[in-house]
Each structure stands twice: as structure tokens, then as C-alpha cells.
Amino acid sequence: MLEILVVLAIIALIAAVVGPRLFAQLDKSKSQTARLQIRSLEAALETMRIDIGRLPSEQEGLTLLMKADAQQVPGWSGPYLDKDLPPDPWGRSYIYVAPPAPSAGDPAPDARARVISYGADGQEGGEGVNADVSSDSPR
């Protein structure tokens, strides 16, 4: 009986040491997955921009990568993703922020859209696993 208790104590000690490291690595891999998916979405947006001459409006959003009415979006030759629009690694939709509309004095030809995941907590801002991951994030 004493041997079983000793074995259980050793297993509990190993789990206490290894467990947090394992979960930290899992959280890090989710953030990395979000970065990779955002890069893929950016590439698809750029291809679509070349085809139709503009990026989607916020109302059209990322769904324009998958389907469009050819009469309303001339030049569209998608879908621009091989599979359905992916959720972020935490199961939420990515946020699409359209670039600002060009003004008469500043055409802003390289204005970029932003693709954002609000991290594990789903709230804007945060640190660590709750930090936002976006197309503006350092790589």
C-alpha cells in the first residue's frame, strides 16, 4: 500500500512540473497557428485585390474570399481559399478591418486591411495567451 502511495506522489510531482510547461507550449502553438492563418488570409486578400482592383469593404468582409455575385464584383475569380474560411485557433471568427477610404488629398495606395484574432479571451487587448494576433503583429 505504501508503494502505491509513493508512486502516486511521484506521478503527481511530475504532473505538477510538466503540466504548466505543456499548457504554455500549447498556448504558444495556438498563437503561432493564428499568425500563419492570418498570413494565408492576407495572401488571399492580395490575390483578390489584384483581380477586382480593391479590398473587401467591412460589410463584405472575409466572406468575399469564398463567394461573390459576379455582377456585383466584376473580376472576381475565386474562391481564393482552398477550404472554408477557418475560425481562429480558439474557435472564433477572424475580425476583418477594411483599410480607410482614400481621401482626395491622400490616395493611400498601399493602405492595408487588417485581419485580427482577439486571442484566447476573445477580448481586444490582453497579454500572453490573451494577446491579440493581427496582420500588424510582429512576426
N, C-alpha and C. Protein backbone atom coordinates (compact mmCIF):
# COMPACT_ATOMS: atom_id res chain seq x y z
N MET A 1 0.82 -1.19 0.00
CA MET A 1 0.00 0.00 0.00
C MET A 1 0.87 1.25 0.00
N LEU A 2 1.94 1.23 0.78
CA LEU A 2 2.83 2.38 0.85
C LEU A 2 3.51 2.64 -0.49
N GLU A 3 3.85 1.56 -1.21
CA GLU A 3 4.49 1.71 -2.51
C GLU A 3 3.56 2.42 -3.50
N ILE A 4 2.28 2.09 -3.44
CA ILE A 4 1.31 2.73 -4.34
C ILE A 4 1.22 4.22 -4.04
N LEU A 5 1.21 4.58 -2.76
CA LEU A 5 1.17 6.00 -2.39
C LEU A 5 2.42 6.74 -2.86
N VAL A 6 3.57 6.10 -2.76
CA VAL A 6 4.82 6.72 -3.22
C VAL A 6 4.78 6.92 -4.74
N VAL A 7 4.32 5.92 -5.47
CA VAL A 7 4.21 6.03 -6.92
C VAL A 7 3.24 7.15 -7.30
N LEU A 8 2.09 7.22 -6.63
CA LEU A 8 1.13 8.29 -6.90
C LEU A 8 1.71 9.67 -6.59
N ALA A 9 2.48 9.76 -5.52
CA ALA A 9 3.11 11.04 -5.17
C ALA A 9 4.13 11.45 -6.23
N ILE A 10 4.89 10.49 -6.74
CA ILE A 10 5.86 10.79 -7.80
C ILE A 10 5.15 11.23 -9.07
N ILE A 11 4.07 10.55 -9.44
CA ILE A 11 3.30 10.92 -10.63
C ILE A 11 2.73 12.33 -10.47
N ALA A 12 2.20 12.64 -9.29
CA ALA A 12 1.64 13.97 -9.03
C ALA A 12 2.73 15.04 -9.13
N LEU A 13 3.91 14.74 -8.62
CA LEU A 13 5.02 15.69 -8.68
C LEU A 13 5.45 15.94 -10.13
N ILE A 14 5.56 14.89 -10.91
CA ILE A 14 5.92 15.03 -12.33
C ILE A 14 4.85 15.84 -13.06
N ALA A 15 3.59 15.55 -12.80
CA ALA A 15 2.50 16.30 -13.45
C ALA A 15 2.54 17.77 -13.06
N ALA A 16 2.87 18.06 -11.82
CA ALA A 16 2.94 19.46 -11.36
C ALA A 16 4.06 20.22 -12.05
N VAL A 17 5.15 19.54 -12.37
CA VAL A 17 6.28 20.19 -13.03
C VAL A 17 6.06 20.29 -14.54
N VAL A 18 5.62 19.22 -15.16
CA VAL A 18 5.49 19.15 -16.62
C VAL A 18 4.21 19.81 -17.12
N GLY A 19 3.11 19.71 -16.39
CA GLY A 19 1.82 20.22 -16.82
C GLY A 19 1.83 21.67 -17.27
N PRO A 20 2.29 22.60 -16.44
CA PRO A 20 2.28 24.01 -16.85
C PRO A 20 3.12 24.28 -18.10
N ARG A 21 4.24 23.60 -18.22
CA ARG A 21 5.07 23.78 -19.41
C ARG A 21 4.36 23.28 -20.66
N LEU A 22 3.67 22.17 -20.53
CA LEU A 22 2.93 21.60 -21.65
C LEU A 22 1.82 22.55 -22.10
N PHE A 23 1.06 23.10 -21.14
CA PHE A 23 -0.02 24.02 -21.48
C PHE A 23 0.52 25.33 -22.06
N ALA A 24 1.65 25.80 -21.56
CA ALA A 24 2.26 27.02 -22.11
C ALA A 24 2.66 26.80 -23.57
N GLN A 25 3.18 25.62 -23.87
CA GLN A 25 3.56 25.31 -25.24
C GLN A 25 2.34 25.22 -26.14
N LEU A 26 1.25 24.67 -25.64
CA LEU A 26 0.01 24.58 -26.39
C LEU A 26 -0.52 25.98 -26.71
N ASP A 27 -0.50 26.88 -25.73
CA ASP A 27 -0.94 28.26 -25.95
C ASP A 27 -0.07 28.95 -26.99
N LYS A 28 1.23 28.72 -26.92
CA LYS A 28 2.16 29.33 -27.88
C LYS A 28 1.87 28.81 -29.29
N SER A 29 1.56 27.53 -29.41
CA SER A 29 1.28 26.97 -30.74
C SER A 29 -0.02 27.52 -31.31
N LYS A 30 -1.01 27.82 -30.46
CA LYS A 30 -2.25 28.42 -30.95
C LYS A 30 -1.99 29.82 -31.50
N SER A 31 -1.17 30.59 -30.80
CA SER A 31 -0.83 31.94 -31.30
C SER A 31 -0.09 31.84 -32.62
N GLN A 32 0.82 30.89 -32.74
CA GLN A 32 1.57 30.70 -33.98
C GLN A 32 0.63 30.26 -35.11
N THR A 33 -0.32 29.39 -34.80
CA THR A 33 -1.29 28.97 -35.81
C THR A 33 -2.11 30.16 -36.30
N ALA A 34 -2.52 31.03 -35.38
CA ALA A 34 -3.27 32.23 -35.78
C ALA A 34 -2.43 33.10 -36.71
N ARG A 35 -1.14 33.28 -36.40
CA ARG A 35 -0.26 34.08 -37.27
C ARG A 35 -0.19 33.48 -38.68
N LEU A 36 -0.05 32.16 -38.75
CA LEU A 36 0.04 31.50 -40.05
C LEU A 36 -1.26 31.62 -40.83
N GLN A 37 -2.39 31.45 -40.15
CA GLN A 37 -3.68 31.59 -40.83
C GLN A 37 -3.89 33.02 -41.31
N ILE A 38 -3.48 33.99 -40.51
CA ILE A 38 -3.62 35.39 -40.91
C ILE A 38 -2.77 35.68 -42.15
N ARG A 39 -1.56 35.14 -42.19
CA ARG A 39 -0.72 35.32 -43.39
C ARG A 39 -1.40 34.73 -44.63
N SER A 40 -2.01 33.57 -44.46
CA SER A 40 -2.72 32.93 -45.57
C SER A 40 -3.90 33.79 -46.02
N LEU A 41 -4.65 34.33 -45.07
CA LEU A 41 -5.77 35.20 -45.41
C LEU A 41 -5.29 36.48 -46.10
N GLU A 42 -4.16 37.03 -45.64
CA GLU A 42 -3.59 38.22 -46.29
C GLU A 42 -3.22 37.93 -47.74
N ALA A 43 -2.61 36.77 -47.98
CA ALA A 43 -2.23 36.41 -49.35
C ALA A 43 -3.46 36.27 -50.23
N ALA A 44 -4.52 35.66 -49.70
CA ALA A 44 -5.76 35.51 -50.46
C ALA A 44 -6.39 36.88 -50.73
N LEU A 45 -6.35 37.78 -49.75
CA LEU A 45 -6.88 39.13 -49.94
C LEU A 45 -6.10 39.87 -51.03
N GLU A 46 -4.79 39.70 -51.03
CA GLU A 46 -3.97 40.39 -52.04
C GLU A 46 -4.27 39.85 -53.44
N THR A 47 -4.44 38.55 -53.57
CA THR A 47 -4.79 37.96 -54.87
C THR A 47 -6.13 38.50 -55.34
N MET A 48 -7.09 38.55 -54.43
CA MET A 48 -8.41 39.07 -54.79
C MET A 48 -8.32 40.56 -55.16
N ARG A 49 -7.51 41.32 -54.43
CA ARG A 49 -7.35 42.74 -54.74
C ARG A 49 -6.81 42.94 -56.15
N ILE A 50 -5.89 42.08 -56.55
CA ILE A 50 -5.35 42.16 -57.92
C ILE A 50 -6.45 41.87 -58.93
N ASP A 51 -7.30 40.89 -58.64
CA ASP A 51 -8.38 40.52 -59.56
C ASP A 51 -9.47 41.58 -59.67
N ILE A 52 -9.92 42.11 -58.54
CA ILE A 52 -11.08 43.01 -58.58
C ILE A 52 -10.72 44.48 -58.40
N GLY A 53 -9.44 44.75 -58.13
CA GLY A 53 -8.99 46.13 -58.03
C GLY A 53 -9.23 46.81 -56.70
N ARG A 54 -9.65 46.06 -55.71
CA ARG A 54 -9.90 46.64 -54.39
C ARG A 54 -9.96 45.53 -53.35
N LEU A 55 -9.90 45.94 -52.10
CA LEU A 55 -10.10 45.00 -51.00
C LEU A 55 -11.58 45.01 -50.61
N PRO A 56 -12.04 43.99 -49.90
CA PRO A 56 -13.44 43.97 -49.49
C PRO A 56 -13.76 45.12 -48.54
N SER A 57 -15.00 45.56 -48.58
CA SER A 57 -15.45 46.52 -47.57
C SER A 57 -15.62 45.74 -46.26
N GLU A 58 -15.80 46.47 -45.16
CA GLU A 58 -16.03 45.76 -43.90
C GLU A 58 -17.33 44.98 -43.95
N GLN A 59 -18.31 45.50 -44.67
CA GLN A 59 -19.59 44.79 -44.79
C GLN A 59 -19.40 43.48 -45.56
N GLU A 60 -18.60 43.49 -46.62
CA GLU A 60 -18.33 42.26 -47.39
C GLU A 60 -17.47 41.31 -46.58
N GLY A 61 -16.46 41.85 -45.92
CA GLY A 61 -15.60 41.08 -45.04
C GLY A 61 -14.86 39.96 -45.74
N LEU A 62 -14.37 39.03 -44.94
CA LEU A 62 -13.58 37.91 -45.45
C LEU A 62 -14.42 36.92 -46.24
N THR A 63 -15.74 36.96 -46.10
CA THR A 63 -16.58 36.03 -46.85
C THR A 63 -16.48 36.27 -48.36
N LEU A 64 -16.07 37.48 -48.75
CA LEU A 64 -15.89 37.76 -50.18
C LEU A 64 -14.78 36.90 -50.78
N LEU A 65 -13.89 36.38 -49.94
CA LEU A 65 -12.85 35.46 -50.43
C LEU A 65 -13.46 34.16 -50.94
N MET A 66 -14.62 33.79 -50.41
CA MET A 66 -15.22 32.49 -50.71
C MET A 66 -16.33 32.55 -51.75
N LYS A 67 -17.11 33.63 -51.74
CA LYS A 67 -18.22 33.70 -52.70
C LYS A 67 -18.56 35.16 -52.99
N ALA A 68 -19.02 35.37 -54.23
CA ALA A 68 -19.41 36.72 -54.65
C ALA A 68 -20.35 36.62 -55.83
N ASP A 69 -21.16 37.62 -56.00
CA ASP A 69 -22.02 37.75 -57.17
C ASP A 69 -21.18 38.41 -58.26
N ALA A 70 -20.94 37.70 -59.34
CA ALA A 70 -20.06 38.20 -60.41
C ALA A 70 -20.52 39.53 -60.98
N GLN A 71 -21.82 39.80 -60.95
CA GLN A 71 -22.31 41.07 -61.47
C GLN A 71 -22.00 42.22 -60.52
N GLN A 72 -21.98 41.95 -59.23
CA GLN A 72 -21.70 42.99 -58.25
C GLN A 72 -20.20 43.17 -58.01
N VAL A 73 -19.42 42.15 -58.30
CA VAL A 73 -17.97 42.20 -58.07
C VAL A 73 -17.27 41.77 -59.35
N PRO A 74 -17.17 42.68 -60.34
CA PRO A 74 -16.51 42.33 -61.60
C PRO A 74 -15.05 41.92 -61.39
N GLY A 75 -14.63 40.89 -62.08
CA GLY A 75 -13.25 40.42 -62.00
C GLY A 75 -13.03 39.34 -60.95
N TRP A 76 -14.01 39.10 -60.09
CA TRP A 76 -13.86 38.11 -59.03
C TRP A 76 -13.69 36.74 -59.66
N SER A 77 -12.61 36.03 -59.29
CA SER A 77 -12.38 34.71 -59.86
C SER A 77 -12.02 33.70 -58.78
N GLY A 78 -12.65 33.82 -57.64
CA GLY A 78 -12.39 32.94 -56.52
C GLY A 78 -13.18 31.65 -56.63
N PRO A 79 -13.26 30.88 -55.61
CA PRO A 79 -12.84 31.23 -54.25
C PRO A 79 -11.32 31.30 -54.12
N TYR A 80 -10.89 32.15 -53.21
CA TYR A 80 -9.47 32.41 -53.03
C TYR A 80 -8.84 31.58 -51.92
N LEU A 81 -9.63 30.75 -51.27
CA LEU A 81 -9.13 29.82 -50.27
C LEU A 81 -9.50 28.41 -50.70
N ASP A 82 -8.63 27.44 -50.41
CA ASP A 82 -8.89 26.05 -50.79
C ASP A 82 -10.02 25.43 -49.98
N LYS A 83 -10.17 25.88 -48.74
CA LYS A 83 -11.19 25.34 -47.85
C LYS A 83 -12.06 26.49 -47.36
N ASP A 84 -13.05 26.17 -46.55
CA ASP A 84 -13.89 27.20 -45.96
C ASP A 84 -13.05 28.16 -45.12
N LEU A 85 -13.59 29.33 -44.90
CA LEU A 85 -12.93 30.33 -44.07
C LEU A 85 -12.69 29.74 -42.68
N PRO A 86 -11.44 29.67 -42.24
CA PRO A 86 -11.17 29.00 -40.96
C PRO A 86 -11.51 29.89 -39.77
N PRO A 87 -11.93 29.28 -38.65
CA PRO A 87 -12.02 30.06 -37.42
C PRO A 87 -10.61 30.22 -36.86
N ASP A 88 -10.44 31.14 -35.91
CA ASP A 88 -9.13 31.25 -35.27
C ASP A 88 -8.92 30.01 -34.39
N PRO A 89 -7.72 29.80 -33.86
CA PRO A 89 -7.45 28.59 -33.08
C PRO A 89 -8.31 28.45 -31.82
N TRP A 90 -8.98 29.52 -31.40
CA TRP A 90 -9.84 29.47 -30.23
C TRP A 90 -11.31 29.31 -30.62
N GLY A 91 -11.56 29.08 -31.93
CA GLY A 91 -12.90 28.78 -32.40
C GLY A 91 -13.76 29.99 -32.74
N ARG A 92 -13.16 31.18 -32.80
CA ARG A 92 -13.92 32.39 -33.14
C ARG A 92 -13.59 32.84 -34.55
N SER A 93 -14.45 33.65 -35.11
CA SER A 93 -14.19 34.21 -36.44
C SER A 93 -13.09 35.26 -36.37
N TYR A 94 -12.30 35.32 -37.43
CA TYR A 94 -11.33 36.40 -37.53
C TYR A 94 -12.07 37.71 -37.77
N ILE A 95 -11.50 38.79 -37.28
CA ILE A 95 -12.06 40.13 -37.46
C ILE A 95 -11.38 40.74 -38.68
N TYR A 96 -12.17 41.31 -39.58
CA TYR A 96 -11.63 41.99 -40.76
C TYR A 96 -11.88 43.48 -40.61
N VAL A 97 -10.82 44.27 -40.75
CA VAL A 97 -10.93 45.72 -40.71
C VAL A 97 -10.45 46.24 -42.05
N ALA A 98 -11.37 46.84 -42.80
CA ALA A 98 -11.04 47.36 -44.14
C ALA A 98 -10.12 48.56 -44.00
N PRO A 99 -9.29 48.80 -45.02
CA PRO A 99 -8.43 49.98 -44.98
C PRO A 99 -9.29 51.24 -45.05
N PRO A 100 -8.76 52.35 -44.54
CA PRO A 100 -9.53 53.59 -44.63
C PRO A 100 -9.74 53.99 -46.08
N ALA A 101 -10.89 54.58 -46.35
CA ALA A 101 -11.18 55.04 -47.71
C ALA A 101 -10.22 56.16 -48.07
N PRO A 102 -9.68 56.15 -49.29
CA PRO A 102 -8.75 57.21 -49.68
C PRO A 102 -9.47 58.55 -49.74
N SER A 103 -8.77 59.58 -49.31
CA SER A 103 -9.33 60.93 -49.40
C SER A 103 -8.76 61.60 -50.65
N ALA A 104 -9.33 62.73 -51.02
CA ALA A 104 -8.91 63.42 -52.25
C ALA A 104 -7.44 63.82 -52.19
N GLY A 105 -6.97 64.28 -51.04
CA GLY A 105 -5.59 64.72 -50.93
C GLY A 105 -4.60 63.61 -50.67
N ASP A 106 -5.08 62.47 -50.21
CA ASP A 106 -4.19 61.36 -49.85
C ASP A 106 -4.78 60.05 -50.36
N PRO A 107 -4.39 59.63 -51.56
CA PRO A 107 -4.97 58.41 -52.12
C PRO A 107 -4.61 57.14 -51.36
N ALA A 108 -3.54 57.14 -50.58
CA ALA A 108 -3.11 55.98 -49.79
C ALA A 108 -3.18 54.66 -50.56
N PRO A 109 -2.39 54.53 -51.65
CA PRO A 109 -2.48 53.32 -52.46
C PRO A 109 -2.05 52.06 -51.74
N ASP A 110 -1.18 52.16 -50.72
CA ASP A 110 -0.77 50.93 -50.05
C ASP A 110 -1.51 50.71 -48.74
N ALA A 111 -2.66 51.31 -48.58
CA ALA A 111 -3.45 51.06 -47.37
C ALA A 111 -3.77 49.57 -47.29
N ARG A 112 -3.56 49.01 -46.12
CA ARG A 112 -3.77 47.57 -45.94
C ARG A 112 -4.97 47.30 -45.05
N ALA A 113 -5.62 46.21 -45.33
CA ALA A 113 -6.67 45.72 -44.45
C ALA A 113 -5.99 45.04 -43.26
N ARG A 114 -6.72 44.89 -42.19
CA ARG A 114 -6.20 44.18 -41.02
C ARG A 114 -7.06 42.95 -40.76
N VAL A 115 -6.40 41.87 -40.42
CA VAL A 115 -7.08 40.64 -40.01
C VAL A 115 -6.64 40.40 -38.57
N ILE A 116 -7.62 40.20 -37.67
CA ILE A 116 -7.31 40.15 -36.24
C ILE A 116 -7.98 38.95 -35.58
N SER A 117 -7.24 38.33 -34.65
CA SER A 117 -7.82 37.38 -33.71
C SER A 117 -7.62 38.00 -32.33
N TYR A 118 -8.66 38.01 -31.52
CA TYR A 118 -8.55 38.61 -30.19
C TYR A 118 -7.99 37.65 -29.15
N GLY A 119 -7.37 36.57 -29.55
CA GLY A 119 -6.69 35.68 -28.61
C GLY A 119 -7.64 34.79 -27.83
N ALA A 120 -7.11 34.18 -26.79
CA ALA A 120 -7.85 33.18 -26.03
C ALA A 120 -9.09 33.75 -25.35
N ASP A 121 -9.01 34.99 -24.88
CA ASP A 121 -10.15 35.56 -24.15
C ASP A 121 -11.20 36.19 -25.06
N GLY A 122 -10.90 36.35 -26.34
CA GLY A 122 -11.86 36.93 -27.28
C GLY A 122 -12.11 38.41 -27.08
N GLN A 123 -11.28 39.07 -26.28
CA GLN A 123 -11.42 40.49 -25.99
C GLN A 123 -10.25 41.27 -26.59
N GLU A 124 -10.51 42.48 -27.01
CA GLU A 124 -9.45 43.31 -27.58
C GLU A 124 -8.39 43.58 -26.51
N GLY A 125 -7.13 43.55 -26.93
CA GLY A 125 -6.03 43.78 -25.99
C GLY A 125 -5.65 42.49 -25.28
N GLY A 126 -4.92 42.63 -24.21
CA GLY A 126 -4.53 41.47 -23.42
C GLY A 126 -3.05 41.17 -23.57
N GLU A 127 -2.59 40.27 -22.73
CA GLU A 127 -1.19 39.87 -22.72
C GLU A 127 -1.09 38.36 -22.73
N GLY A 128 0.07 37.88 -23.12
CA GLY A 128 0.30 36.44 -23.13
C GLY A 128 -0.66 35.74 -24.07
N VAL A 129 -1.32 34.70 -23.58
CA VAL A 129 -2.24 33.92 -24.41
C VAL A 129 -3.47 34.74 -24.80
N ASN A 130 -3.77 35.79 -24.05
CA ASN A 130 -4.92 36.65 -24.34
C ASN A 130 -4.58 37.79 -25.30
N ALA A 131 -3.33 37.90 -25.70
CA ALA A 131 -2.91 38.99 -26.59
C ALA A 131 -3.53 38.83 -27.97
N ASP A 132 -3.84 39.97 -28.58
CA ASP A 132 -4.36 39.97 -29.94
C ASP A 132 -3.27 39.49 -30.90
N VAL A 133 -3.69 38.81 -31.94
CA VAL A 133 -2.79 38.43 -33.02
C VAL A 133 -3.39 39.07 -34.27
N SER A 134 -2.57 39.84 -34.98
CA SER A 134 -3.11 40.52 -36.16
C SER A 134 -2.06 40.58 -37.26
N SER A 135 -2.51 41.06 -38.41
CA SER A 135 -1.59 41.22 -39.53
C SER A 135 -0.55 42.29 -39.22
N ASP A 136 -0.79 43.11 -38.19
CA ASP A 136 0.19 44.11 -37.77
C ASP A 136 1.16 43.58 -36.72
N SER A 137 0.87 42.41 -36.16
CA SER A 137 1.70 41.87 -35.08
C SER A 137 3.11 41.58 -35.57
N PRO A 138 4.11 41.79 -34.70
CA PRO A 138 5.46 41.39 -35.08
C PRO A 138 5.51 39.88 -35.28
N ARG A 139 6.29 39.44 -36.22
CA ARG A 139 6.30 38.01 -36.56
C ARG A 139 7.30 37.31 -35.75
